[in-house]
Amino acid sequence: MSSHEQSYRAGEAKGHAQATLSEKTGRAMDTVKDKAQAARDKASEAADTTRDKASEMAESGRETAAAGKEKTGGLLQKTGEQVKGMAQGAADAVKHTFGMAEEEDKEDVFKKRDTTNY
């Protein structure tokens, strides 16, 4: 075999080797790209799930706070009305005791009582 023929075969072998390497590299790159895309998709899905859960928890917290506010407001209003009624009754009793009650209040002062529930 001549030197020229050996050179030709060596070049041909080198070309095949480069083509094979290029093909393998391309497949490896495709695999890496696919895995990277899968990781991005999974991370995006996890972020969406976390965002949705946080939103649900925040809404639940707002609802709980509103319910507590309504309950507390009602209790404070009821207590205020009770205190106001007791204070008015005490004021009427003192007026009656010292003779300062008006005529219409004199007969009812001891009959009046706080009708709110304690």
PDB file of N, CA and C in Angstrom:
ATOM      1  N   MET A   1       0.840  -1.147   0.000  1.00  0.00           N
ATOM      2  CA  MET A   1       0.000   0.000   0.000  1.00  0.00           C
ATOM      3  C   MET A   1       0.898   1.226   0.000  1.00  0.00           C
ATOM      4  N   SER A   2       0.489   2.174  -0.783  1.00  0.00           N
ATOM      5  CA  SER A   2       1.334   3.341  -0.933  1.00  0.00           C
ATOM      6  C   SER A   2       1.093   4.320   0.197  1.00  0.00           C
ATOM      7  N   SER A   3       2.007   5.187   0.308  1.00  0.00           N
ATOM      8  CA  SER A   3       1.949   6.211   1.341  1.00  0.00           C
ATOM      9  C   SER A   3       0.731   7.097   1.115  1.00  0.00           C
ATOM     10  N   HIS A   4       0.445   7.320  -0.124  1.00  0.00           N
ATOM     11  CA  HIS A   4      -0.699   8.158  -0.452  1.00  0.00           C
ATOM     12  C   HIS A   4      -1.998   7.477  -0.025  1.00  0.00           C
ATOM     13  N   GLU A   5      -2.097   6.184  -0.288  1.00  0.00           N
ATOM     14  CA  GLU A   5      -3.283   5.418   0.083  1.00  0.00           C
ATOM     15  C   GLU A   5      -3.419   5.352   1.594  1.00  0.00           C
ATOM     16  N   GLN A   6      -2.329   5.200   2.307  1.00  0.00           N
ATOM     17  CA  GLN A   6      -2.367   5.157   3.772  1.00  0.00           C
ATOM     18  C   GLN A   6      -2.850   6.500   4.321  1.00  0.00           C
ATOM     19  N   SER A   7      -2.373   7.560   3.737  1.00  0.00           N
ATOM     20  CA  SER A   7      -2.792   8.897   4.151  1.00  0.00           C
ATOM     21  C   SER A   7      -4.285   9.077   3.922  1.00  0.00           C
ATOM     22  N   TYR A   8      -4.735   8.570   2.756  1.00  0.00           N
ATOM     23  CA  TYR A   8      -6.150   8.708   2.439  1.00  0.00           C
ATOM     24  C   TYR A   8      -6.999   7.966   3.455  1.00  0.00           C
ATOM     25  N   ARG A   9      -6.623   6.732   3.791  1.00  0.00           N
ATOM     26  CA  ARG A   9      -7.389   5.916   4.750  1.00  0.00           C
ATOM     27  C   ARG A   9      -7.330   6.522   6.151  1.00  0.00           C
ATOM     28  N   ALA A  10      -6.186   7.070   6.482  1.00  0.00           N
ATOM     29  CA  ALA A  10      -6.063   7.708   7.796  1.00  0.00           C
ATOM     30  C   ALA A  10      -6.990   8.922   7.875  1.00  0.00           C
ATOM     31  N   GLY A  11      -7.050   9.695   6.819  1.00  0.00           N
ATOM     32  CA  GLY A  11      -7.949  10.863   6.794  1.00  0.00           C
ATOM     33  C   GLY A  11      -9.401  10.443   6.847  1.00  0.00           C
ATOM     34  N   GLU A  12      -9.702   9.354   6.123  1.00  0.00           N
ATOM     35  CA  GLU A  12     -11.058   8.842   6.115  1.00  0.00           C
ATOM     36  C   GLU A  12     -11.446   8.367   7.515  1.00  0.00           C
ATOM     37  N   ALA A  13     -10.579   7.670   8.184  1.00  0.00           N
ATOM     38  CA  ALA A  13     -10.841   7.178   9.542  1.00  0.00           C
ATOM     39  C   ALA A  13     -11.024   8.352  10.497  1.00  0.00           C
ATOM     40  N   LYS A  14     -10.190   9.370  10.325  1.00  0.00           N
ATOM     41  CA  LYS A  14     -10.292  10.554  11.176  1.00  0.00           C
ATOM     42  C   LYS A  14     -11.638  11.243  10.954  1.00  0.00           C
ATOM     43  N   GLY A  15     -12.078  11.331   9.716  1.00  0.00           N
ATOM     44  CA  GLY A  15     -13.367  11.939   9.378  1.00  0.00           C
ATOM     45  C   GLY A  15     -14.523  11.188  10.010  1.00  0.00           C
ATOM     46  N   HIS A  16     -14.459   9.850   9.943  1.00  0.00           N
ATOM     47  CA  HIS A  16     -15.506   9.019  10.562  1.00  0.00           C
ATOM     48  C   HIS A  16     -15.508   9.203  12.081  1.00  0.00           C
ATOM     49  N   ALA A  17     -14.339   9.267  12.646  1.00  0.00           N
ATOM     50  CA  ALA A  17     -14.233   9.444  14.097  1.00  0.00           C
ATOM     51  C   ALA A  17     -14.818  10.796  14.510  1.00  0.00           C
ATOM     52  N   GLN A  18     -14.521  11.834  13.753  1.00  0.00           N
ATOM     53  CA  GLN A  18     -15.053  13.161  14.069  1.00  0.00           C
ATOM     54  C   GLN A  18     -16.574  13.180  13.906  1.00  0.00           C
ATOM     55  N   ALA A  19     -17.085  12.538  12.895  1.00  0.00           N
ATOM     56  CA  ALA A  19     -18.533  12.481  12.673  1.00  0.00           C
ATOM     57  C   ALA A  19     -19.215  11.728  13.817  1.00  0.00           C
ATOM     58  N   THR A  20     -18.624  10.622  14.218  1.00  0.00           N
ATOM     59  CA  THR A  20     -19.181   9.842  15.320  1.00  0.00           C
ATOM     60  C   THR A  20     -19.150  10.652  16.606  1.00  0.00           C
ATOM     61  N   LEU A  21     -18.035  11.316  16.854  1.00  0.00           N
ATOM     62  CA  LEU A  21     -17.908  12.151  18.056  1.00  0.00           C
ATOM     63  C   LEU A  21     -18.909  13.288  18.028  1.00  0.00           C
ATOM     64  N   SER A  22     -19.074  13.909  16.887  1.00  0.00           N
ATOM     65  CA  SER A  22     -20.016  15.012  16.747  1.00  0.00           C
ATOM     66  C   SER A  22     -21.450  14.527  16.995  1.00  0.00           C
ATOM     67  N   GLU A  23     -21.779  13.357  16.477  1.00  0.00           N
ATOM     68  CA  GLU A  23     -23.108  12.782  16.677  1.00  0.00           C
ATOM     69  C   GLU A  23     -23.357  12.473  18.155  1.00  0.00           C
ATOM     70  N   LYS A  24     -22.368  11.873  18.805  1.00  0.00           N
ATOM     71  CA  LYS A  24     -22.501  11.556  20.226  1.00  0.00           C
ATOM     72  C   LYS A  24     -22.615  12.834  21.065  1.00  0.00           C
ATOM     73  N   THR A  25     -21.831  13.836  20.704  1.00  0.00           N
ATOM     74  CA  THR A  25     -21.874  15.114  21.421  1.00  0.00           C
ATOM     75  C   THR A  25     -23.255  15.749  21.260  1.00  0.00           C
ATOM     76  N   GLY A  26     -23.782  15.680  20.054  1.00  0.00           N
ATOM     77  CA  GLY A  26     -25.125  16.230  19.782  1.00  0.00           C
ATOM     78  C   GLY A  26     -26.191  15.535  20.614  1.00  0.00           C
ATOM     79  N   ARG A  27     -26.138  14.211  20.699  1.00  0.00           N
ATOM     80  CA  ARG A  27     -27.099  13.464  21.507  1.00  0.00           C
ATOM     81  C   ARG A  27     -26.968  13.810  22.985  1.00  0.00           C
ATOM     82  N   ALA A  28     -25.716  13.937  23.444  1.00  0.00           N
ATOM     83  CA  ALA A  28     -25.486  14.291  24.850  1.00  0.00           C
ATOM     84  C   ALA A  28     -26.046  15.688  25.145  1.00  0.00           C
ATOM     85  N   MET A  29     -25.838  16.618  24.206  1.00  0.00           N
ATOM     86  CA  MET A  29     -26.362  17.978  24.385  1.00  0.00           C
ATOM     87  C   MET A  29     -27.893  17.969  24.419  1.00  0.00           C
ATOM     88  N   ASP A  30     -28.502  17.169  23.554  1.00  0.00           N
ATOM     89  CA  ASP A  30     -29.964  17.062  23.557  1.00  0.00           C
ATOM     90  C   ASP A  30     -30.469  16.512  24.893  1.00  0.00           C
ATOM     91  N   THR A  31     -29.782  15.517  25.412  1.00  0.00           N
ATOM     92  CA  THR A  31     -30.164  14.929  26.706  1.00  0.00           C
ATOM     93  C   THR A  31     -30.048  15.975  27.815  1.00  0.00           C
ATOM     94  N   VAL A  32     -28.963  16.725  27.800  1.00  0.00           N
ATOM     95  CA  VAL A  32     -28.766  17.761  28.817  1.00  0.00           C
ATOM     96  C   VAL A  32     -29.849  18.830  28.693  1.00  0.00           C
ATOM     97  N   LYS A  33     -30.176  19.238  27.473  1.00  0.00           N
ATOM     98  CA  LYS A  33     -31.220  20.245  27.255  1.00  0.00           C
ATOM     99  C   LYS A  33     -32.576  19.742  27.756  1.00  0.00           C
ATOM    100  N   ASP A  34     -32.877  18.470  27.460  1.00  0.00           N
ATOM    101  CA  ASP A  34     -34.147  17.898  27.916  1.00  0.00           C
ATOM    102  C   ASP A  34     -34.229  17.873  29.441  1.00  0.00           C
ATOM    103  N   LYS A  35     -33.140  17.482  30.068  1.00  0.00           N
ATOM    104  CA  LYS A  35     -33.129  17.430  31.538  1.00  0.00           C
ATOM    105  C   LYS A  35     -33.228  18.828  32.144  1.00  0.00           C
ATOM    106  N   ALA A  36     -32.578  19.794  31.534  1.00  0.00           N
ATOM    107  CA  ALA A  36     -32.641  21.175  32.014  1.00  0.00           C
ATOM    108  C   ALA A  36     -34.065  21.716  31.886  1.00  0.00           C
ATOM    109  N   GLN A  37     -34.722  21.423  30.766  1.00  0.00           N
ATOM    110  CA  GLN A  37     -36.106  21.868  30.573  1.00  0.00           C
ATOM    111  C   GLN A  37     -37.034  21.200  31.589  1.00  0.00           C
ATOM    112  N   ALA A  38     -36.826  19.921  31.847  1.00  0.00           N
ATOM    113  CA  ALA A  38     -37.639  19.215  32.836  1.00  0.00           C
ATOM    114  C   ALA A  38     -37.444  19.837  34.227  1.00  0.00           C
ATOM    115  N   ALA A  39     -36.221  20.196  34.560  1.00  0.00           N
ATOM    116  CA  ALA A  39     -35.943  20.828  35.853  1.00  0.00           C
ATOM    117  C   ALA A  39     -36.617  22.198  35.938  1.00  0.00           C
ATOM    118  N   ARG A  40     -36.568  22.981  34.851  1.00  0.00           N
ATOM    119  CA  ARG A  40     -37.246  24.290  34.831  1.00  0.00           C
ATOM    120  C   ARG A  40     -38.749  24.128  35.006  1.00  0.00           C
ATOM    121  N   ASP A  41     -39.314  23.149  34.298  1.00  0.00           N
ATOM    122  CA  ASP A  41     -40.757  22.908  34.407  1.00  0.00           C
ATOM    123  C   ASP A  41     -41.147  22.515  35.836  1.00  0.00           C
ATOM    124  N   LYS A  42     -40.351  21.659  36.435  1.00  0.00           N
ATOM    125  CA  LYS A  42     -40.641  21.212  37.800  1.00  0.00           C
ATOM    126  C   LYS A  42     -40.515  22.373  38.784  1.00  0.00           C
ATOM    127  N   ALA A  43     -39.504  23.207  38.628  1.00  0.00           N
ATOM    128  CA  ALA A  43     -39.316  24.356  39.509  1.00  0.00           C
ATOM    129  C   ALA A  43     -40.463  25.354  39.345  1.00  0.00           C
ATOM    130  N   SER A  44     -40.897  25.562  38.122  1.00  0.00           N
ATOM    131  CA  SER A  44     -42.009  26.475  37.865  1.00  0.00           C
ATOM    132  C   SER A  44     -43.293  25.945  38.492  1.00  0.00           C
ATOM    133  N   GLU A  45     -43.519  24.664  38.357  1.00  0.00           N
ATOM    134  CA  GLU A  45     -44.701  24.032  38.950  1.00  0.00           C
ATOM    135  C   GLU A  45     -44.676  24.141  40.474  1.00  0.00           C
ATOM    136  N   ALA A  46     -43.516  23.917  41.068  1.00  0.00           N
ATOM    137  CA  ALA A  46     -43.378  24.030  42.528  1.00  0.00           C
ATOM    138  C   ALA A  46     -43.619  25.472  42.978  1.00  0.00           C
ATOM    139  N   ALA A  47     -43.126  26.433  42.217  1.00  0.00           N
ATOM    140  CA  ALA A  47     -43.341  27.847  42.559  1.00  0.00           C
ATOM    141  C   ALA A  47     -44.819  28.199  42.473  1.00  0.00           C
ATOM    142  N   ASP A  48     -45.498  27.712  41.441  1.00  0.00           N
ATOM    143  CA  ASP A  48     -46.935  27.965  41.298  1.00  0.00           C
ATOM    144  C   ASP A  48     -47.713  27.359  42.466  1.00  0.00           C
ATOM    145  N   THR A  49     -47.369  26.147  42.834  1.00  0.00           N
ATOM    146  CA  THR A  49     -48.033  25.476  43.950  1.00  0.00           C
ATOM    147  C   THR A  49     -47.806  26.239  45.248  1.00  0.00           C
ATOM    148  N   THR A  50     -46.586  26.677  45.469  1.00  0.00           N
ATOM    149  CA  THR A  50     -46.268  27.440  46.681  1.00  0.00           C
ATOM    150  C   THR A  50     -47.023  28.756  46.698  1.00  0.00           C
ATOM    151  N   ARG A  51     -47.062  29.438  45.573  1.00  0.00           N
ATOM    152  CA  ARG A  51     -47.779  30.717  45.474  1.00  0.00           C
ATOM    153  C   ARG A  51     -49.270  30.516  45.758  1.00  0.00           C
ATOM    154  N   ASP A  52     -49.860  29.456  45.186  1.00  0.00           N
ATOM    155  CA  ASP A  52     -51.279  29.175  45.414  1.00  0.00           C
ATOM    156  C   ASP A  52     -51.551  28.867  46.882  1.00  0.00           C
ATOM    157  N   LYS A  53     -50.697  28.079  47.489  1.00  0.00           N
ATOM    158  CA  LYS A  53     -50.869  27.711  48.898  1.00  0.00           C
ATOM    159  C   LYS A  53     -50.737  28.952  49.786  1.00  0.00           C
ATOM    160  N   ALA A  54     -49.772  29.802  49.498  1.00  0.00           N
ATOM    161  CA  ALA A  54     -49.592  31.026  50.283  1.00  0.00           C
ATOM    162  C   ALA A  54     -50.812  31.933  50.145  1.00  0.00           C
ATOM    163  N   SER A  55     -51.364  32.006  48.954  1.00  0.00           N
ATOM    164  CA  SER A  55     -52.559  32.815  48.730  1.00  0.00           C
ATOM    165  C   SER A  55     -53.741  32.272  49.521  1.00  0.00           C
ATOM    166  N   GLU A  56     -53.903  30.958  49.522  1.00  0.00           N
ATOM    167  CA  GLU A  56     -54.985  30.331  50.290  1.00  0.00           C
ATOM    168  C   GLU A  56     -54.812  30.599  51.785  1.00  0.00           C
ATOM    169  N   MET A  57     -53.600  30.487  52.265  1.00  0.00           N
ATOM    170  CA  MET A  57     -53.341  30.713  53.690  1.00  0.00           C
ATOM    171  C   MET A  57     -53.594  32.171  54.063  1.00  0.00           C
ATOM    172  N   ALA A  58     -53.217  33.098  53.198  1.00  0.00           N
ATOM    173  CA  ALA A  58     -53.449  34.516  53.467  1.00  0.00           C
ATOM    174  C   ALA A  58     -54.943  34.810  53.510  1.00  0.00           C
ATOM    175  N   GLU A  59     -55.689  34.243  52.587  1.00  0.00           N
ATOM    176  CA  GLU A  59     -57.147  34.439  52.571  1.00  0.00           C
ATOM    177  C   GLU A  59     -57.778  33.863  53.828  1.00  0.00           C
ATOM    178  N   SER A  60     -57.329  32.696  54.228  1.00  0.00           N
ATOM    179  CA  SER A  60     -57.841  32.091  55.458  1.00  0.00           C
ATOM    180  C   SER A  60     -57.537  32.971  56.665  1.00  0.00           C
ATOM    181  N   GLY A  61     -56.356  33.536  56.703  1.00  0.00           N
ATOM    182  CA  GLY A  61     -55.982  34.438  57.800  1.00  0.00           C
ATOM    183  C   GLY A  61     -56.854  35.680  57.821  1.00  0.00           C
ATOM    184  N   ARG A  62     -57.133  36.235  56.630  1.00  0.00           N
ATOM    185  CA  ARG A  62     -58.008  37.416  56.564  1.00  0.00           C
ATOM    186  C   ARG A  62     -59.405  37.086  57.056  1.00  0.00           C
ATOM    187  N   GLU A  63     -59.925  35.923  56.657  1.00  0.00           N
ATOM    188  CA  GLU A  63     -61.266  35.521  57.085  1.00  0.00           C
ATOM    189  C   GLU A  63     -61.315  35.318  58.597  1.00  0.00           C
ATOM    190  N   THR A  64     -60.297  34.691  59.145  1.00  0.00           N
ATOM    191  CA  THR A  64     -60.244  34.470  60.586  1.00  0.00           C
ATOM    192  C   THR A  64     -60.167  35.794  61.334  1.00  0.00           C
ATOM    193  N   ALA A  65     -59.372  36.712  60.836  1.00  0.00           N
ATOM    194  CA  ALA A  65     -59.248  38.027  61.476  1.00  0.00           C
ATOM    195  C   ALA A  65     -60.576  38.775  61.422  1.00  0.00           C
ATOM    196  N   ALA A  66     -61.263  38.704  60.287  1.00  0.00           N
ATOM    197  CA  ALA A  66     -62.553  39.395  60.151  1.00  0.00           C
ATOM    198  C   ALA A  66     -63.577  38.810  61.114  1.00  0.00           C
ATOM    199  N   ALA A  67     -63.601  37.478  61.222  1.00  0.00           N
ATOM    200  CA  ALA A  67     -64.544  36.839  62.141  1.00  0.00           C
ATOM    201  C   ALA A  67     -64.240  37.230  63.584  1.00  0.00           C
ATOM    202  N   GLY A  68     -62.973  37.264  63.946  1.00  0.00           N
ATOM    203  CA  GLY A  68     -62.583  37.666  65.299  1.00  0.00           C
ATOM    204  C   GLY A  68     -62.948  39.113  65.568  1.00  0.00           C
ATOM    205  N   LYS A  69     -62.784  39.960  64.571  1.00  0.00           N
ATOM    206  CA  LYS A  69     -63.115  41.374  64.726  1.00  0.00           C
ATOM    207  C   LYS A  69     -64.613  41.548  64.944  1.00  0.00           C
ATOM    208  N   GLU A  70     -65.416  40.827  64.163  1.00  0.00           N
ATOM    209  CA  GLU A  70     -66.863  40.911  64.316  1.00  0.00           C
ATOM    210  C   GLU A  70     -67.291  40.431  65.695  1.00  0.00           C
ATOM    211  N   LYS A  71     -66.723  39.334  66.142  1.00  0.00           N
ATOM    212  CA  LYS A  71     -67.083  38.775  67.438  1.00  0.00           C
ATOM    213  C   LYS A  71     -66.678  39.733  68.559  1.00  0.00           C
ATOM    214  N   THR A  72     -65.483  40.274  68.483  1.00  0.00           N
ATOM    215  CA  THR A  72     -64.991  41.200  69.506  1.00  0.00           C
ATOM    216  C   THR A  72     -65.813  42.475  69.510  1.00  0.00           C
ATOM    217  N   GLY A  73     -66.134  42.994  68.318  1.00  0.00           N
ATOM    218  CA  GLY A  73     -66.930  44.213  68.212  1.00  0.00           C
ATOM    219  C   GLY A  73     -68.298  44.034  68.848  1.00  0.00           C
ATOM    220  N   GLY A  74     -68.942  42.903  68.610  1.00  0.00           N
ATOM    221  CA  GLY A  74     -70.248  42.620  69.196  1.00  0.00           C
ATOM    222  C   GLY A  74     -70.172  42.527  70.709  1.00  0.00           C
ATOM    223  N   LEU A  75     -69.142  41.895  71.205  1.00  0.00           N
ATOM    224  CA  LEU A  75     -68.971  41.745  72.648  1.00  0.00           C
ATOM    225  C   LEU A  75     -68.736  43.098  73.303  1.00  0.00           C
ATOM    226  N   LEU A  76     -67.902  43.921  72.704  1.00  0.00           N
ATOM    227  CA  LEU A  76     -67.633  45.242  73.264  1.00  0.00           C
ATOM    228  C   LEU A  76     -68.879  46.121  73.229  1.00  0.00           C
ATOM    229  N   GLN A  77     -69.653  46.029  72.173  1.00  0.00           N
ATOM    230  CA  GLN A  77     -70.884  46.822  72.079  1.00  0.00           C
ATOM    231  C   GLN A  77     -71.867  46.392  73.163  1.00  0.00           C
ATOM    232  N   LYS A  78     -72.030  45.109  73.346  1.00  0.00           N
ATOM    233  CA  LYS A  78     -72.953  44.591  74.369  1.00  0.00           C
ATOM    234  C   LYS A  78     -72.493  45.034  75.760  1.00  0.00           C
ATOM    235  N   THR A  79     -71.211  44.920  76.019  1.00  0.00           N
ATOM    236  CA  THR A  79     -70.667  45.326  77.319  1.00  0.00           C
ATOM    237  C   THR A  79     -70.867  46.820  77.532  1.00  0.00           C
ATOM    238  N   GLY A  80     -70.638  47.618  76.510  1.00  0.00           N
ATOM    239  CA  GLY A  80     -70.840  49.062  76.612  1.00  0.00           C
ATOM    240  C   GLY A  80     -72.283  49.410  76.933  1.00  0.00           C
ATOM    241  N   GLU A  81     -73.209  48.712  76.279  1.00  0.00           N
ATOM    242  CA  GLU A  81     -74.621  48.959  76.554  1.00  0.00           C
ATOM    243  C   GLU A  81     -74.974  48.580  77.987  1.00  0.00           C
ATOM    244  N   GLN A  82     -74.424  47.491  78.473  1.00  0.00           N
ATOM    245  CA  GLN A  82     -74.693  47.066  79.856  1.00  0.00           C
ATOM    246  C   GLN A  82     -74.167  48.100  80.849  1.00  0.00           C
ATOM    247  N   VAL A  83     -72.955  48.566  80.618  1.00  0.00           N
ATOM    248  CA  VAL A  83     -72.359  49.561  81.521  1.00  0.00           C
ATOM    249  C   VAL A  83     -73.185  50.848  81.479  1.00  0.00           C
ATOM    250  N   LYS A  84     -73.582  51.251  80.292  1.00  0.00           N
ATOM    251  CA  LYS A  84     -74.393  52.462  80.145  1.00  0.00           C
ATOM    252  C   LYS A  84     -75.715  52.319  80.900  1.00  0.00           C
ATOM    253  N   GLY A  85     -76.370  51.184  80.773  1.00  0.00           N
ATOM    254  CA  GLY A  85     -77.632  50.944  81.481  1.00  0.00           C
ATOM    255  C   GLY A  85     -77.449  50.970  82.989  1.00  0.00           C
ATOM    256  N   MET A  86     -76.388  50.346  83.472  1.00  0.00           N
ATOM    257  CA  MET A  86     -76.129  50.336  84.922  1.00  0.00           C
ATOM    258  C   MET A  86     -75.811  51.740  85.420  1.00  0.00           C
ATOM    259  N   ALA A  87     -75.054  52.498  84.655  1.00  0.00           N
ATOM    260  CA  ALA A  87     -74.719  53.861  85.067  1.00  0.00           C
ATOM    261  C   ALA A  87     -75.966  54.743  85.105  1.00  0.00           C
ATOM    262  N   GLN A  88     -76.844  54.586  84.129  1.00  0.00           N
ATOM    263  CA  GLN A  88     -78.080  55.375  84.115  1.00  0.00           C
ATOM    264  C   GLN A  88     -78.953  55.002  85.306  1.00  0.00           C
ATOM    265  N   GLY A  89     -79.031  53.720  85.618  1.00  0.00           N
ATOM    266  CA  GLY A  89     -79.804  53.276  86.783  1.00  0.00           C
ATOM    267  C   GLY A  89     -79.233  53.838  88.072  1.00  0.00           C
ATOM    268  N   ALA A  90     -77.921  53.838  88.198  1.00  0.00           N
ATOM    269  CA  ALA A  90     -77.281  54.376  89.395  1.00  0.00           C
ATOM    270  C   ALA A  90     -77.520  55.878  89.496  1.00  0.00           C
ATOM    271  N   ALA A  91     -77.431  56.578  88.357  1.00  0.00           N
ATOM    272  CA  ALA A  91     -77.671  58.026  88.366  1.00  0.00           C
ATOM    273  C   ALA A  91     -79.104  58.326  88.780  1.00  0.00           C
ATOM    274  N   ASP A  92     -80.052  57.566  88.275  1.00  0.00           N
ATOM    275  CA  ASP A  92     -81.454  57.771  88.647  1.00  0.00           C
ATOM    276  C   ASP A  92     -81.676  57.509  90.134  1.00  0.00           C
ATOM    277  N   ALA A  93     -81.029  56.473  90.658  1.00  0.00           N
ATOM    278  CA  ALA A  93     -81.176  56.157  92.088  1.00  0.00           C
ATOM    279  C   ALA A  93     -80.610  57.275  92.950  1.00  0.00           C
ATOM    280  N   VAL A  94     -79.475  57.829  92.562  1.00  0.00           N
ATOM    281  CA  VAL A  94     -78.871  58.929  93.323  1.00  0.00           C
ATOM    282  C   VAL A  94     -79.775  60.158  93.256  1.00  0.00           C
ATOM    283  N   LYS A  95     -80.300  60.489  92.090  1.00  0.00           N
ATOM    284  CA  LYS A  95     -81.216  61.631  91.949  1.00  0.00           C
ATOM    285  C   LYS A  95     -82.433  61.441  92.849  1.00  0.00           C
ATOM    286  N   HIS A  96     -82.983  60.246  92.856  1.00  0.00           N
ATOM    287  CA  HIS A  96     -84.157  59.969  93.675  1.00  0.00           C
ATOM    288  C   HIS A  96     -83.812  60.098  95.158  1.00  0.00           C
ATOM    289  N   THR A  97     -82.674  59.578  95.562  1.00  0.00           N
ATOM    290  CA  THR A  97     -82.263  59.625  96.955  1.00  0.00           C
ATOM    291  C   THR A  97     -82.128  61.064  97.431  1.00  0.00           C
ATOM    292  N   PHE A  98     -81.586  61.919  96.616  1.00  0.00           N
ATOM    293  CA  PHE A  98     -81.383  63.315  97.010  1.00  0.00           C
ATOM    294  C   PHE A  98     -82.546  64.218  96.605  1.00  0.00           C
ATOM    295  N   GLY A  99     -83.615  63.631  96.127  1.00  0.00           N
ATOM    296  CA  GLY A  99     -84.790  64.397  95.778  1.00  0.00           C
ATOM    297  C   GLY A  99     -84.633  65.212  94.514  1.00  0.00           C
ATOM    298  N   MET A 100     -83.751  64.823  93.661  1.00  0.00           N
ATOM    299  CA  MET A 100     -83.490  65.574  92.434  1.00  0.00           C
ATOM    300  C   MET A 100     -84.185  64.945  91.232  1.00  0.00           C
ATOM    301  N   ALA A 101     -84.881  63.851  91.429  1.00  0.00           N
ATOM    302  CA  ALA A 101     -85.518  63.164  90.310  1.00  0.00           C
ATOM    303  C   ALA A 101     -86.728  63.946  89.845  1.00  0.00           C
ATOM    304  N   GLU A 102     -87.020  63.890  88.575  1.00  0.00           N
ATOM    305  CA  GLU A 102     -88.207  64.529  88.042  1.00  0.00           C
ATOM    306  C   GLU A 102     -89.407  63.698  88.449  1.00  0.00           C
ATOM    307  N   GLU A 103     -90.595  64.278  88.439  1.00  0.00           N
ATOM    308  CA  GLU A 103     -91.803  63.623  88.935  1.00  0.00           C
ATOM    309  C   GLU A 103     -92.045  62.281  88.259  1.00  0.00           C
ATOM    310  N   GLU A 104     -91.889  62.223  86.957  1.00  0.00           N
ATOM    311  CA  GLU A 104     -92.170  60.976  86.242  1.00  0.00           C
ATOM    312  C   GLU A 104     -91.172  59.877  86.578  1.00  0.00           C
ATOM    313  N   ASP A 105     -89.936  60.258  86.968  1.00  0.00           N
ATOM    314  CA  ASP A 105     -88.918  59.268  87.313  1.00  0.00           C
ATOM    315  C   ASP A 105     -89.074  58.761  88.735  1.00  0.00           C
ATOM    316  N   LYS A 106     -89.759  59.521  89.633  1.00  0.00           N
ATOM    317  CA  LYS A 106     -89.806  59.161  91.049  1.00  0.00           C
ATOM    318  C   LYS A 106     -90.484  57.827  91.273  1.00  0.00           C
ATOM    319  N   GLU A 107     -91.557  57.558  90.588  1.00  0.00           N
ATOM    320  CA  GLU A 107     -92.267  56.310  90.836  1.00  0.00           C
ATOM    321  C   GLU A 107     -91.619  55.108  90.154  1.00  0.00           C
ATOM    322  N   ASP A 108     -90.846  55.328  89.075  1.00  0.00           N
ATOM    323  CA  ASP A 108     -90.260  54.219  88.319  1.00  0.00           C
ATOM    324  C   ASP A 108     -88.814  53.895  88.692  1.00  0.00           C
ATOM    325  N   VAL A 109     -88.185  54.708  89.529  1.00  0.00           N
ATOM    326  CA  VAL A 109     -86.750  54.543  89.733  1.00  0.00           C
ATOM    327  C   VAL A 109     -86.372  53.180  90.295  1.00  0.00           C
ATOM    328  N   PHE A 110     -87.144  52.632  91.174  1.00  0.00           N
ATOM    329  CA  PHE A 110     -86.780  51.346  91.752  1.00  0.00           C
ATOM    330  C   PHE A 110     -87.339  50.174  90.946  1.00  0.00           C
ATOM    331  N   LYS A 111     -88.244  50.452  90.028  1.00  0.00           N
ATOM    332  CA  LYS A 111     -88.790  49.412  89.174  1.00  0.00           C
ATOM    333  C   LYS A 111     -87.901  49.178  87.951  1.00  0.00           C
ATOM    334  N   LYS A 112     -87.143  50.201  87.592  1.00  0.00           N
ATOM    335  CA  LYS A 112     -86.255  50.080  86.430  1.00  0.00           C
ATOM    336  C   LYS A 112     -85.163  49.060  86.723  1.00  0.00           C
ATOM    337  N   ARG A 113     -84.881  48.285  85.758  1.00  0.00           N
ATOM    338  CA  ARG A 113     -83.753  47.404  85.881  1.00  0.00           C
ATOM    339  C   ARG A 113     -83.161  47.159  84.505  1.00  0.00           C
ATOM    340  N   ASP A 114     -81.930  46.775  84.536  1.00  0.00           N
ATOM    341  CA  ASP A 114     -81.223  46.526  83.280  1.00  0.00           C
ATOM    342  C   ASP A 114     -81.762  45.234  82.694  1.00  0.00           C
ATOM    343  N   THR A 115     -82.297  45.306  81.485  1.00  0.00           N
ATOM    344  CA  THR A 115     -82.891  44.125  80.857  1.00  0.00           C
ATOM    345  C   THR A 115     -81.916  43.396  79.926  1.00  0.00           C
ATOM    346  N   THR A 116     -80.719  43.910  79.805  1.00  0.00           N
ATOM    347  CA  THR A 116     -79.742  43.209  78.964  1.00  0.00           C
ATOM    348  C   THR A 116     -79.223  41.997  79.713  1.00  0.00           C
ATOM    349  N   ASN A 117     -78.816  41.010  78.959  1.00  0.00           N
ATOM    350  CA  ASN A 117     -78.289  39.778  79.570  1.00  0.00           C
ATOM    351  C   ASN A 117     -76.825  39.949  79.931  1.00  0.00           C
ATOM    352  N   TYR A 118     -76.460  39.467  81.065  1.00  0.00           N
ATOM    353  CA  TYR A 118     -75.081  39.582  81.516  1.00  0.00           C
ATOM    354  C   TYR A 118     -74.328  38.354  81.131  1.00  0.00           C
TER     355      TYR A 118
END
